[in-house]
Amino acid sequence: MHTETLTWSEDVRHPLTQHLCFVDPAATTVVVGTGTFKAGQDMPSEGFSQYPMREISIVLEGEIETESAGKKVRLNAGDLVTIPPNQKQRSRFLKDTKLIYIFFGHRSKECEADA
């Protein structure tokens, strides 16, 4: 698991700031979505979950405690986390939270929207 806090360039001549670059030649699918969680909510409700694709989440609002690969981190608005494929994880939402998630990698079924 990798985390970092997002920053923005103050130099209008160079307005973009790169935060993460990841290359996966086997990546065949990208899934982008949003999440809204209430304070006190756990995901999953019990145990751990794991996904066959790399996950990148960007916290827009709120606070999350995430555990993955034996490491616990607190994520706040403006933080980014990436979790490798098939790595067990769980999250507890400490405040009402909104986030953007991106999954990418190999997926055996096509996206429902593209079917």
PDB file of N, CA and C in Angstrom:
ATOM      1  N   MET A   1       0.854  -1.166   0.000  1.00  0.00           N
ATOM      2  CA  MET A   1       0.000   0.000   0.000  1.00  0.00           C
ATOM      3  C   MET A   1       0.897   1.226   0.000  1.00  0.00           C
ATOM      4  N   HIS A   2       0.524   2.199  -0.794  1.00  0.00           N
ATOM      5  CA  HIS A   2       1.263   3.459  -0.887  1.00  0.00           C
ATOM      6  C   HIS A   2       0.270   4.589  -0.645  1.00  0.00           C
ATOM      7  N   THR A   3       0.635   5.563   0.179  1.00  0.00           N
ATOM      8  CA  THR A   3      -0.228   6.724   0.408  1.00  0.00           C
ATOM      9  C   THR A   3       0.571   8.000   0.229  1.00  0.00           C
ATOM     10  N   GLU A   4      -0.136   9.060  -0.132  1.00  0.00           N
ATOM     11  CA  GLU A   4       0.473  10.380  -0.174  1.00  0.00           C
ATOM     12  C   GLU A   4      -0.623  11.421  -0.179  1.00  0.00           C
ATOM     13  N   THR A   5      -0.263  12.636   0.209  1.00  0.00           N
ATOM     14  CA  THR A   5      -1.203  13.751   0.208  1.00  0.00           C
ATOM     15  C   THR A   5      -1.040  14.507  -1.098  1.00  0.00           C
ATOM     16  N   LEU A   6      -2.152  14.824  -1.734  1.00  0.00           N
ATOM     17  CA  LEU A   6      -2.118  15.541  -2.998  1.00  0.00           C
ATOM     18  C   LEU A   6      -1.702  16.989  -2.775  1.00  0.00           C
ATOM     19  N   THR A   7      -0.952  17.521  -3.720  1.00  0.00           N
ATOM     20  CA  THR A   7      -0.560  18.927  -3.717  1.00  0.00           C
ATOM     21  C   THR A   7      -0.871  19.500  -5.084  1.00  0.00           C
ATOM     22  N   TRP A   8      -0.947  20.825  -5.160  1.00  0.00           N
ATOM     23  CA  TRP A   8      -1.233  21.495  -6.416  1.00  0.00           C
ATOM     24  C   TRP A   8      -0.130  22.501  -6.693  1.00  0.00           C
ATOM     25  N   SER A   9       0.209  22.634  -7.957  1.00  0.00           N
ATOM     26  CA  SER A   9       1.227  23.589  -8.373  1.00  0.00           C
ATOM     27  C   SER A   9       0.704  25.015  -8.195  1.00  0.00           C
ATOM     28  N   GLU A  10       1.571  25.879  -7.742  1.00  0.00           N
ATOM     29  CA  GLU A  10       1.225  27.298  -7.659  1.00  0.00           C
ATOM     30  C   GLU A  10       1.845  28.069  -8.822  1.00  0.00           C
ATOM     31  N   ASP A  11       2.539  27.366  -9.697  1.00  0.00           N
ATOM     32  CA  ASP A  11       3.189  27.971 -10.857  1.00  0.00           C
ATOM     33  C   ASP A  11       2.283  27.766 -12.067  1.00  0.00           C
ATOM     34  N   VAL A  12       1.623  28.829 -12.519  1.00  0.00           N
ATOM     35  CA  VAL A  12       0.678  28.702 -13.636  1.00  0.00           C
ATOM     36  C   VAL A  12       1.355  28.281 -14.930  1.00  0.00           C
ATOM     37  N   ARG A  13       2.672  28.448 -15.027  1.00  0.00           N
ATOM     38  CA  ARG A  13       3.388  28.000 -16.226  1.00  0.00           C
ATOM     39  C   ARG A  13       3.533  26.485 -16.236  1.00  0.00           C
ATOM     40  N   HIS A  14       3.450  25.859 -15.058  1.00  0.00           N
ATOM     41  CA  HIS A  14       3.560  24.407 -14.898  1.00  0.00           C
ATOM     42  C   HIS A  14       2.430  23.942 -13.975  1.00  0.00           C
ATOM     43  N   PRO A  15       1.196  23.900 -14.493  1.00  0.00           N
ATOM     44  CA  PRO A  15       0.033  23.689 -13.632  1.00  0.00           C
ATOM     45  C   PRO A  15      -0.207  22.239 -13.198  1.00  0.00           C
ATOM     46  N   LEU A  16       0.442  21.281 -13.817  1.00  0.00           N
ATOM     47  CA  LEU A  16       0.183  19.873 -13.495  1.00  0.00           C
ATOM     48  C   LEU A  16       1.220  19.340 -12.515  1.00  0.00           C
ATOM     49  N   THR A  17       0.765  18.540 -11.568  1.00  0.00           N
ATOM     50  CA  THR A  17       1.648  17.890 -10.611  1.00  0.00           C
ATOM     51  C   THR A  17       1.391  16.397 -10.673  1.00  0.00           C
ATOM     52  N   GLN A  18       2.393  15.618 -11.050  1.00  0.00           N
ATOM     53  CA  GLN A  18       2.240  14.161 -11.124  1.00  0.00           C
ATOM     54  C   GLN A  18       2.395  13.568  -9.730  1.00  0.00           C
ATOM     55  N   HIS A  19       1.459  12.686  -9.363  1.00  0.00           N
ATOM     56  CA  HIS A  19       1.510  12.054  -8.050  1.00  0.00           C
ATOM     57  C   HIS A  19       1.798  10.564  -8.109  1.00  0.00           C
ATOM     58  N   LEU A  20       1.429   9.927  -9.183  1.00  0.00           N
ATOM     59  CA  LEU A  20       1.594   8.483  -9.254  1.00  0.00           C
ATOM     60  C   LEU A  20       1.741   8.087 -10.708  1.00  0.00           C
ATOM     61  N   CYS A  21       2.710   7.251 -10.983  1.00  0.00           N
ATOM     62  CA  CYS A  21       2.884   6.688 -12.311  1.00  0.00           C
ATOM     63  C   CYS A  21       3.045   5.189 -12.122  1.00  0.00           C
ATOM     64  N   PHE A  22       2.180   4.418 -12.733  1.00  0.00           N
ATOM     65  CA  PHE A  22       2.232   2.975 -12.580  1.00  0.00           C
ATOM     66  C   PHE A  22       2.058   2.345 -13.945  1.00  0.00           C
ATOM     67  N   VAL A  23       2.940   1.435 -14.310  1.00  0.00           N
ATOM     68  CA  VAL A  23       2.883   0.760 -15.598  1.00  0.00           C
ATOM     69  C   VAL A  23       2.549  -0.707 -15.361  1.00  0.00           C
ATOM     70  N   ASP A  24       1.527  -1.198 -16.036  1.00  0.00           N
ATOM     71  CA  ASP A  24       1.152  -2.603 -15.954  1.00  0.00           C
ATOM     72  C   ASP A  24       0.801  -3.060 -17.365  1.00  0.00           C
ATOM     73  N   PRO A  25       1.736  -3.731 -18.058  1.00  0.00           N
ATOM     74  CA  PRO A  25       1.476  -4.135 -19.435  1.00  0.00           C
ATOM     75  C   PRO A  25       0.315  -5.115 -19.562  1.00  0.00           C
ATOM     76  N   ALA A  26      -0.072  -5.773 -18.474  1.00  0.00           N
ATOM     77  CA  ALA A  26      -1.187  -6.720 -18.520  1.00  0.00           C
ATOM     78  C   ALA A  26      -2.527  -6.041 -18.267  1.00  0.00           C
ATOM     79  N   ALA A  27      -2.518  -4.748 -17.962  1.00  0.00           N
ATOM     80  CA  ALA A  27      -3.778  -4.057 -17.661  1.00  0.00           C
ATOM     81  C   ALA A  27      -4.654  -4.007 -18.916  1.00  0.00           C
ATOM     82  N   THR A  28      -5.834  -4.561 -18.793  1.00  0.00           N
ATOM     83  CA  THR A  28      -6.760  -4.583 -19.915  1.00  0.00           C
ATOM     84  C   THR A  28      -8.038  -3.810 -19.625  1.00  0.00           C
ATOM     85  N   THR A  29      -8.231  -3.409 -18.371  1.00  0.00           N
ATOM     86  CA  THR A  29      -9.474  -2.771 -17.976  1.00  0.00           C
ATOM     87  C   THR A  29      -9.198  -1.654 -16.978  1.00  0.00           C
ATOM     88  N   VAL A  30      -9.933  -0.563 -17.120  1.00  0.00           N
ATOM     89  CA  VAL A  30      -9.907   0.524 -16.140  1.00  0.00           C
ATOM     90  C   VAL A  30     -11.344   0.764 -15.700  1.00  0.00           C
ATOM     91  N   VAL A  31     -11.565   0.802 -14.378  1.00  0.00           N
ATOM     92  CA  VAL A  31     -12.884   1.053 -13.808  1.00  0.00           C
ATOM     93  C   VAL A  31     -12.754   2.292 -12.929  1.00  0.00           C
ATOM     94  N   VAL A  32     -13.616   3.294 -13.147  1.00  0.00           N
ATOM     95  CA  VAL A  32     -13.598   4.522 -12.364  1.00  0.00           C
ATOM     96  C   VAL A  32     -14.962   4.692 -11.715  1.00  0.00           C
ATOM     97  N   GLY A  33     -14.970   5.042 -10.417  1.00  0.00           N
ATOM     98  CA  GLY A  33     -16.238   5.228  -9.739  1.00  0.00           C
ATOM     99  C   GLY A  33     -16.108   6.142  -8.535  1.00  0.00           C
ATOM    100  N   THR A  34     -17.209   6.343  -7.851  1.00  0.00           N
ATOM    101  CA  THR A  34     -17.244   7.169  -6.651  1.00  0.00           C
ATOM    102  C   THR A  34     -17.800   6.354  -5.504  1.00  0.00           C
ATOM    103  N   GLY A  35     -17.477   6.770  -4.280  1.00  0.00           N
ATOM    104  CA  GLY A  35     -18.003   6.111  -3.097  1.00  0.00           C
ATOM    105  C   GLY A  35     -18.449   7.143  -2.079  1.00  0.00           C
ATOM    106  N   THR A  36     -19.546   6.859  -1.393  1.00  0.00           N
ATOM    107  CA  THR A  36     -20.059   7.695  -0.318  1.00  0.00           C
ATOM    108  C   THR A  36     -20.291   6.798   0.875  1.00  0.00           C
ATOM    109  N   PHE A  37     -19.669   7.125   2.006  1.00  0.00           N
ATOM    110  CA  PHE A  37     -19.736   6.287   3.199  1.00  0.00           C
ATOM    111  C   PHE A  37     -20.093   7.140   4.406  1.00  0.00           C
ATOM    112  N   LYS A  38     -20.790   6.542   5.349  1.00  0.00           N
ATOM    113  CA  LYS A  38     -21.176   7.213   6.590  1.00  0.00           C
ATOM    114  C   LYS A  38     -20.142   6.924   7.675  1.00  0.00           C
ATOM    115  N   ALA A  39     -19.972   7.858   8.601  1.00  0.00           N
ATOM    116  CA  ALA A  39     -19.086   7.666   9.744  1.00  0.00           C
ATOM    117  C   ALA A  39     -19.505   6.400  10.481  1.00  0.00           C
ATOM    118  N   GLY A  40     -18.530   5.564  10.848  1.00  0.00           N
ATOM    119  CA  GLY A  40     -18.799   4.317  11.554  1.00  0.00           C
ATOM    120  C   GLY A  40     -18.992   3.120  10.643  1.00  0.00           C
ATOM    121  N   GLN A  41     -19.104   3.343   9.341  1.00  0.00           N
ATOM    122  CA  GLN A  41     -19.297   2.254   8.386  1.00  0.00           C
ATOM    123  C   GLN A  41     -17.980   1.513   8.171  1.00  0.00           C
ATOM    124  N   ASP A  42     -18.056   0.198   8.029  1.00  0.00           N
ATOM    125  CA  ASP A  42     -16.902  -0.639   7.729  1.00  0.00           C
ATOM    126  C   ASP A  42     -17.071  -1.232   6.338  1.00  0.00           C
ATOM    127  N   MET A  43     -15.957  -1.386   5.625  1.00  0.00           N
ATOM    128  CA  MET A  43     -15.995  -2.030   4.322  1.00  0.00           C
ATOM    129  C   MET A  43     -14.811  -2.970   4.222  1.00  0.00           C
ATOM    130  N   PRO A  44     -15.063  -4.278   4.105  1.00  0.00           N
ATOM    131  CA  PRO A  44     -16.369  -4.929   4.175  1.00  0.00           C
ATOM    132  C   PRO A  44     -16.902  -4.889   5.608  1.00  0.00           C
ATOM    133  N   SER A  45     -18.154  -5.301   5.778  1.00  0.00           N
ATOM    134  CA  SER A  45     -18.752  -5.238   7.115  1.00  0.00           C
ATOM    135  C   SER A  45     -18.055  -6.187   8.087  1.00  0.00           C
ATOM    136  N   GLU A  46     -17.438  -7.252   7.579  1.00  0.00           N
ATOM    137  CA  GLU A  46     -16.664  -8.193   8.403  1.00  0.00           C
ATOM    138  C   GLU A  46     -15.441  -8.656   7.619  1.00  0.00           C
ATOM    139  N   GLY A  47     -14.348  -8.923   8.330  1.00  0.00           N
ATOM    140  CA  GLY A  47     -13.157  -9.493   7.701  1.00  0.00           C
ATOM    141  C   GLY A  47     -12.475  -8.545   6.740  1.00  0.00           C
ATOM    142  N   PHE A  48     -11.893  -9.113   5.690  1.00  0.00           N
ATOM    143  CA  PHE A  48     -11.139  -8.365   4.686  1.00  0.00           C
ATOM    144  C   PHE A  48     -11.737  -8.618   3.304  1.00  0.00           C
ATOM    145  N   SER A  49     -11.489  -7.702   2.397  1.00  0.00           N
ATOM    146  CA  SER A  49     -11.824  -7.913   0.987  1.00  0.00           C
ATOM    147  C   SER A  49     -10.523  -7.875   0.200  1.00  0.00           C
ATOM    148  N   GLN A  50     -10.584  -8.372  -1.021  1.00  0.00           N
ATOM    149  CA  GLN A  50      -9.446  -8.233  -1.927  1.00  0.00           C
ATOM    150  C   GLN A  50      -9.974  -8.248  -3.343  1.00  0.00           C
ATOM    151  N   TYR A  51      -9.284  -7.534  -4.201  1.00  0.00           N
ATOM    152  CA  TYR A  51      -9.733  -7.355  -5.580  1.00  0.00           C
ATOM    153  C   TYR A  51      -8.627  -7.793  -6.529  1.00  0.00           C
ATOM    154  N   PRO A  52      -9.000  -8.345  -7.686  1.00  0.00           N
ATOM    155  CA  PRO A  52      -7.985  -8.815  -8.624  1.00  0.00           C
ATOM    156  C   PRO A  52      -7.299  -7.687  -9.400  1.00  0.00           C
ATOM    157  N   MET A  53      -7.725  -6.449  -9.154  1.00  0.00           N
ATOM    158  CA  MET A  53      -7.160  -5.307  -9.873  1.00  0.00           C
ATOM    159  C   MET A  53      -6.496  -4.343  -8.891  1.00  0.00           C
ATOM    160  N   ARG A  54      -5.523  -3.561  -9.362  1.00  0.00           N
ATOM    161  CA  ARG A  54      -4.915  -2.515  -8.537  1.00  0.00           C
ATOM    162  C   ARG A  54      -5.976  -1.465  -8.242  1.00  0.00           C
ATOM    163  N   GLU A  55      -5.984  -0.980  -7.003  1.00  0.00           N
ATOM    164  CA  GLU A  55      -6.927   0.059  -6.600  1.00  0.00           C
ATOM    165  C   GLU A  55      -6.189   1.353  -6.303  1.00  0.00           C
ATOM    166  N   ILE A  56      -6.729   2.446  -6.808  1.00  0.00           N
ATOM    167  CA  ILE A  56      -6.267   3.781  -6.447  1.00  0.00           C
ATOM    168  C   ILE A  56      -7.505   4.526  -5.962  1.00  0.00           C
ATOM    169  N   SER A  57      -7.454   5.062  -4.746  1.00  0.00           N
ATOM    170  CA  SER A  57      -8.563   5.860  -4.224  1.00  0.00           C
ATOM    171  C   SER A  57      -8.053   7.233  -3.828  1.00  0.00           C
ATOM    172  N   ILE A  58      -8.868   8.249  -4.118  1.00  0.00           N
ATOM    173  CA  ILE A  58      -8.558   9.625  -3.774  1.00  0.00           C
ATOM    174  C   ILE A  58      -9.672  10.111  -2.858  1.00  0.00           C
ATOM    175  N   VAL A  59      -9.321  10.491  -1.635  1.00  0.00           N
ATOM    176  CA  VAL A  59     -10.305  10.936  -0.654  1.00  0.00           C
ATOM    177  C   VAL A  59     -10.629  12.410  -0.922  1.00  0.00           C
ATOM    178  N   LEU A  60     -11.906  12.687  -1.196  1.00  0.00           N
ATOM    179  CA  LEU A  60     -12.336  14.057  -1.453  1.00  0.00           C
ATOM    180  C   LEU A  60     -12.784  14.744  -0.167  1.00  0.00           C
ATOM    181  N   GLU A  61     -13.500  14.002   0.691  1.00  0.00           N
ATOM    182  CA  GLU A  61     -14.000  14.517   1.966  1.00  0.00           C
ATOM    183  C   GLU A  61     -13.938  13.384   2.972  1.00  0.00           C
ATOM    184  N   GLY A  62     -13.727  13.708   4.244  1.00  0.00           N
ATOM    185  CA  GLY A  62     -13.845  12.714   5.293  1.00  0.00           C
ATOM    186  C   GLY A  62     -12.526  12.195   5.818  1.00  0.00           C
ATOM    187  N   GLU A  63     -12.628  11.046   6.517  1.00  0.00           N
ATOM    188  CA  GLU A  63     -11.461  10.420   7.131  1.00  0.00           C
ATOM    189  C   GLU A  63     -11.682   8.910   7.178  1.00  0.00           C
ATOM    190  N   ILE A  64     -10.645   8.155   6.811  1.00  0.00           N
ATOM    191  CA  ILE A  64     -10.717   6.698   6.721  1.00  0.00           C
ATOM    192  C   ILE A  64      -9.515   6.106   7.444  1.00  0.00           C
ATOM    193  N   GLU A  65      -9.727   4.996   8.135  1.00  0.00           N
ATOM    194  CA  GLU A  65      -8.613   4.182   8.622  1.00  0.00           C
ATOM    195  C   GLU A  65      -8.607   2.921   7.767  1.00  0.00           C
ATOM    196  N   THR A  66      -7.538   2.710   7.018  1.00  0.00           N
ATOM    197  CA  THR A  66      -7.426   1.572   6.118  1.00  0.00           C
ATOM    198  C   THR A  66      -6.297   0.664   6.582  1.00  0.00           C
ATOM    199  N   GLU A  67      -6.565  -0.642   6.520  1.00  0.00           N
ATOM    200  CA  GLU A  67      -5.554  -1.643   6.863  1.00  0.00           C
ATOM    201  C   GLU A  67      -5.328  -2.526   5.653  1.00  0.00           C
ATOM    202  N   SER A  68      -4.060  -2.706   5.299  1.00  0.00           N
ATOM    203  CA  SER A  68      -3.697  -3.547   4.165  1.00  0.00           C
ATOM    204  C   SER A  68      -2.256  -4.000   4.365  1.00  0.00           C
ATOM    205  N   ALA A  69      -1.998  -5.266   4.103  1.00  0.00           N
ATOM    206  CA  ALA A  69      -0.653  -5.847   4.227  1.00  0.00           C
ATOM    207  C   ALA A  69      -0.063  -5.599   5.614  1.00  0.00           C
ATOM    208  N   GLY A  70      -0.903  -5.676   6.644  1.00  0.00           N
ATOM    209  CA  GLY A  70      -0.438  -5.512   8.014  1.00  0.00           C
ATOM    210  C   GLY A  70      -0.123  -4.080   8.411  1.00  0.00           C
ATOM    211  N   LYS A  71      -0.440  -3.120   7.556  1.00  0.00           N
ATOM    212  CA  LYS A  71      -0.148  -1.708   7.821  1.00  0.00           C
ATOM    213  C   LYS A  71      -1.465  -0.941   7.910  1.00  0.00           C
ATOM    214  N   LYS A  72      -1.621  -0.103   8.955  1.00  0.00           N
ATOM    215  CA  LYS A  72      -2.792   0.752   9.096  1.00  0.00           C
ATOM    216  C   LYS A  72      -2.402   2.189   8.821  1.00  0.00           C
ATOM    217  N   VAL A  73      -3.247   2.887   8.062  1.00  0.00           N
ATOM    218  CA  VAL A  73      -3.020   4.303   7.785  1.00  0.00           C
ATOM    219  C   VAL A  73      -4.330   5.061   7.944  1.00  0.00           C
ATOM    220  N   ARG A  74      -4.211   6.343   8.260  1.00  0.00           N
ATOM    221  CA  ARG A  74      -5.369   7.248   8.283  1.00  0.00           C
ATOM    222  C   ARG A  74      -5.294   8.109   7.043  1.00  0.00           C
ATOM    223  N   LEU A  75      -6.396   8.176   6.356  1.00  0.00           N
ATOM    224  CA  LEU A  75      -6.481   8.961   5.129  1.00  0.00           C
ATOM    225  C   LEU A  75      -7.489  10.079   5.336  1.00  0.00           C
ATOM    226  N   ASN A  76      -7.140  11.264   4.895  1.00  0.00           N
ATOM    227  CA  ASN A  76      -8.001  12.440   5.010  1.00  0.00           C
ATOM    228  C   ASN A  76      -8.238  13.036   3.635  1.00  0.00           C
ATOM    229  N   ALA A  77      -9.127  14.026   3.562  1.00  0.00           N
ATOM    230  CA  ALA A  77      -9.389  14.716   2.302  1.00  0.00           C
ATOM    231  C   ALA A  77      -8.067  15.158   1.685  1.00  0.00           C
ATOM    232  N   GLY A  78      -7.885  14.853   0.410  1.00  0.00           N
ATOM    233  CA  GLY A  78      -6.661  15.207  -0.297  1.00  0.00           C
ATOM    234  C   GLY A  78      -5.626  14.104  -0.323  1.00  0.00           C
ATOM    235  N   ASP A  79      -5.903  12.978   0.357  1.00  0.00           N
ATOM    236  CA  ASP A  79      -4.956  11.859   0.352  1.00  0.00           C
ATOM    237  C   ASP A  79      -5.294  10.874  -0.757  1.00  0.00           C
ATOM    238  N   LEU A  80      -4.262  10.206  -1.227  1.00  0.00           N
ATOM    239  CA  LEU A  80      -4.349   9.188  -2.263  1.00  0.00           C
ATOM    240  C   LEU A  80      -3.769   7.907  -1.685  1.00  0.00           C
ATOM    241  N   VAL A  81      -4.401   6.772  -1.986  1.00  0.00           N
ATOM    242  CA  VAL A  81      -3.868   5.475  -1.580  1.00  0.00           C
ATOM    243  C   VAL A  81      -3.920   4.547  -2.789  1.00  0.00           C
ATOM    244  N   THR A  82      -2.913   3.699  -2.935  1.00  0.00           N
ATOM    245  CA  THR A  82      -2.949   2.665  -3.955  1.00  0.00           C
ATOM    246  C   THR A  82      -2.658   1.325  -3.293  1.00  0.00           C
ATOM    247  N   ILE A  83      -3.432   0.325  -3.668  1.00  0.00           N
ATOM    248  CA  ILE A  83      -3.308  -1.016  -3.096  1.00  0.00           C
ATOM    249  C   ILE A  83      -3.118  -2.002  -4.243  1.00  0.00           C
ATOM    250  N   PRO A  84      -2.067  -2.823  -4.180  1.00  0.00           N
ATOM    251  CA  PRO A  84      -1.806  -3.783  -5.257  1.00  0.00           C
ATOM    252  C   PRO A  84      -2.924  -4.809  -5.424  1.00  0.00           C
ATOM    253  N   PRO A  85      -2.986  -5.455  -6.584  1.00  0.00           N
ATOM    254  CA  PRO A  85      -3.997  -6.484  -6.811  1.00  0.00           C
ATOM    255  C   PRO A  85      -3.873  -7.615  -5.781  1.00  0.00           C
ATOM    256  N   ASN A  86      -5.009  -8.167  -5.406  1.00  0.00           N
ATOM    257  CA  ASN A  86      -5.110  -9.339  -4.531  1.00  0.00           C
ATOM    258  C   ASN A  86      -4.562  -9.120  -3.117  1.00  0.00           C
ATOM    259  N   GLN A  87      -4.341  -7.882  -2.721  1.00  0.00           N
ATOM    260  CA  GLN A  87      -3.885  -7.603  -1.362  1.00  0.00           C
ATOM    261  C   GLN A  87      -5.105  -7.387  -0.468  1.00  0.00           C
ATOM    262  N   LYS A  88      -5.185  -8.130   0.634  1.00  0.00           N
ATOM    263  CA  LYS A  88      -6.326  -8.013   1.543  1.00  0.00           C
ATOM    264  C   LYS A  88      -6.356  -6.627   2.163  1.00  0.00           C
ATOM    265  N   GLN A  89      -7.590  -6.124   2.354  1.00  0.00           N
ATOM    266  CA  GLN A  89      -7.766  -4.782   2.880  1.00  0.00           C
ATOM    267  C   GLN A  89      -9.099  -4.649   3.595  1.00  0.00           C
ATOM    268  N   ARG A  90      -9.161  -3.666   4.483  1.00  0.00           N
ATOM    269  CA  ARG A  90     -10.433  -3.283   5.099  1.00  0.00           C
ATOM    270  C   ARG A  90     -10.323  -1.821   5.507  1.00  0.00           C
ATOM    271  N   SER A  91     -11.485  -1.168   5.548  1.00  0.00           N
ATOM    272  CA  SER A  91     -11.514   0.245   5.891  1.00  0.00           C
ATOM    273  C   SER A  91     -12.636   0.523   6.873  1.00  0.00           C
ATOM    274  N   ARG A  92     -12.363   1.472   7.778  1.00  0.00           N
ATOM    275  CA  ARG A  92     -13.370   1.994   8.698  1.00  0.00           C
ATOM    276  C   ARG A  92     -13.461   3.486   8.424  1.00  0.00           C
ATOM    277  N   PHE A  93     -14.673   3.953   8.209  1.00  0.00           N
ATOM    278  CA  PHE A  93     -14.890   5.356   7.871  1.00  0.00           C
ATOM    279  C   PHE A  93     -15.137   6.118   9.164  1.00  0.00           C
ATOM    280  N   LEU A  94     -14.198   6.992   9.515  1.00  0.00           N
ATOM    281  CA  LEU A  94     -14.233   7.712  10.785  1.00  0.00           C
ATOM    282  C   LEU A  94     -15.113   8.952  10.714  1.00  0.00           C
ATOM    283  N   LYS A  95     -15.280   9.483   9.509  1.00  0.00           N
ATOM    284  CA  LYS A  95     -16.170  10.622   9.247  1.00  0.00           C
ATOM    285  C   LYS A  95     -16.937  10.308   7.972  1.00  0.00           C
ATOM    286  N   ASP A  96     -18.049  10.995   7.735  1.00  0.00           N
ATOM    287  CA  ASP A  96     -18.720  10.856   6.441  1.00  0.00           C
ATOM    288  C   ASP A  96     -17.676  11.129   5.361  1.00  0.00           C
ATOM    289  N   THR A  97     -17.644  10.249   4.348  1.00  0.00           N
ATOM    290  CA  THR A  97     -16.546  10.279   3.380  1.00  0.00           C
ATOM    291  C   THR A  97     -17.058  10.170   1.954  1.00  0.00           C
ATOM    292  N   LYS A  98     -16.432  10.931   1.066  1.00  0.00           N
ATOM    293  CA  LYS A  98     -16.643  10.804  -0.375  1.00  0.00           C
ATOM    294  C   LYS A  98     -15.277  10.560  -0.994  1.00  0.00           C
ATOM    295  N   LEU A  99     -15.233   9.638  -1.958  1.00  0.00           N
ATOM    296  CA  LEU A  99     -13.966   9.340  -2.616  1.00  0.00           C
ATOM    297  C   LEU A  99     -14.189   8.974  -4.067  1.00  0.00           C
ATOM    298  N   ILE A 100     -13.108   9.031  -4.810  1.00  0.00           N
ATOM    299  CA  ILE A 100     -13.071   8.545  -6.192  1.00  0.00           C
ATOM    300  C   ILE A 100     -12.168   7.323  -6.177  1.00  0.00           C
ATOM    301  N   TYR A 101     -12.607   6.246  -6.839  1.00  0.00           N
ATOM    302  CA  TYR A 101     -11.750   5.061  -6.935  1.00  0.00           C
ATOM    303  C   TYR A 101     -11.505   4.717  -8.393  1.00  0.00           C
ATOM    304  N   ILE A 102     -10.330   4.135  -8.608  1.00  0.00           N
ATOM    305  CA  ILE A 102      -9.937   3.671  -9.941  1.00  0.00           C
ATOM    306  C   ILE A 102      -9.355   2.274  -9.751  1.00  0.00           C
ATOM    307  N   PHE A 103      -9.888   1.309 -10.470  1.00  0.00           N
ATOM    308  CA  PHE A 103      -9.321  -0.034 -10.507  1.00  0.00           C
ATOM    309  C   PHE A 103      -8.744  -0.235 -11.901  1.00  0.00           C
ATOM    310  N   PHE A 104      -7.554  -0.809 -11.975  1.00  0.00           N
ATOM    311  CA  PHE A 104      -7.060  -1.172 -13.295  1.00  0.00           C
ATOM    312  C   PHE A 104      -6.221  -2.430 -13.208  1.00  0.00           C
ATOM    313  N   GLY A 105      -6.238  -3.146 -14.319  1.00  0.00           N
ATOM    314  CA  GLY A 105      -5.517  -4.402 -14.393  1.00  0.00           C
ATOM    315  C   GLY A 105      -6.258  -5.357 -15.302  1.00  0.00           C
ATOM    316  N   HIS A 106      -6.049  -6.637 -15.091  1.00  0.00           N
ATOM    317  CA  HIS A 106      -6.717  -7.662 -15.887  1.00  0.00           C
ATOM    318  C   HIS A 106      -8.032  -8.018 -15.220  1.00  0.00           C
ATOM    319  N   ARG A 107      -9.089  -8.033 -15.985  1.00  0.00           N
ATOM    320  CA  ARG A 107     -10.414  -8.406 -15.476  1.00  0.00           C
ATOM    321  C   ARG A 107     -10.995  -9.402 -16.439  1.00  0.00           C
ATOM    322  N   SER A 108     -11.416 -10.540 -15.921  1.00  0.00           N
ATOM    323  CA  SER A 108     -11.870 -11.611 -16.817  1.00  0.00           C
ATOM    324  C   SER A 108     -13.204 -11.300 -17.492  1.00  0.00           C
ATOM    325  N   LYS A 109     -14.086 -10.512 -16.844  1.00  0.00           N
ATOM    326  CA  LYS A 109     -15.331 -10.126 -17.504  1.00  0.00           C
ATOM    327  C   LYS A 109     -15.263  -8.672 -17.925  1.00  0.00           C
ATOM    328  N   GLU A 110     -15.986  -8.381 -18.974  1.00  0.00           N
ATOM    329  CA  GLU A 110     -16.039  -7.001 -19.434  1.00  0.00           C
ATOM    330  C   GLU A 110     -16.868  -6.169 -18.458  1.00  0.00           C
ATOM    331  N   CYS A 111     -16.658  -4.873 -18.485  1.00  0.00           N
ATOM    332  CA  CYS A 111     -17.456  -3.961 -17.655  1.00  0.00           C
ATOM    333  C   CYS A 111     -18.915  -4.057 -18.071  1.00  0.00           C
ATOM    334  N   GLU A 112     -19.796  -4.000 -17.087  1.00  0.00           N
ATOM    335  CA  GLU A 112     -21.225  -4.105 -17.366  1.00  0.00           C
ATOM    336  C   GLU A 112     -21.698  -3.024 -18.346  1.00  0.00           C
ATOM    337  N   ALA A 113     -21.168  -1.812 -18.220  1.00  0.00           N
ATOM    338  CA  ALA A 113     -21.577  -0.714 -19.091  1.00  0.00           C
ATOM    339  C   ALA A 113     -21.177  -0.951 -20.541  1.00  0.00           C
ATOM    340  N   ASP A 114     -20.124  -1.758 -20.750  1.00  0.00           N
ATOM    341  CA  ASP A 114     -19.644  -2.002 -22.110  1.00  0.00           C
ATOM    342  C   ASP A 114     -20.226  -3.269 -22.708  1.00  0.00           C
ATOM    343  N   ALA A 115     -20.983  -4.043 -21.929  1.00  0.00           N
ATOM    344  CA  ALA A 115     -21.479  -5.341 -22.398  1.00  0.00           C
ATOM    345  C   ALA A 115     -22.605  -5.174 -23.393  1.00  0.00           C
TER     346      ALA A 115
END
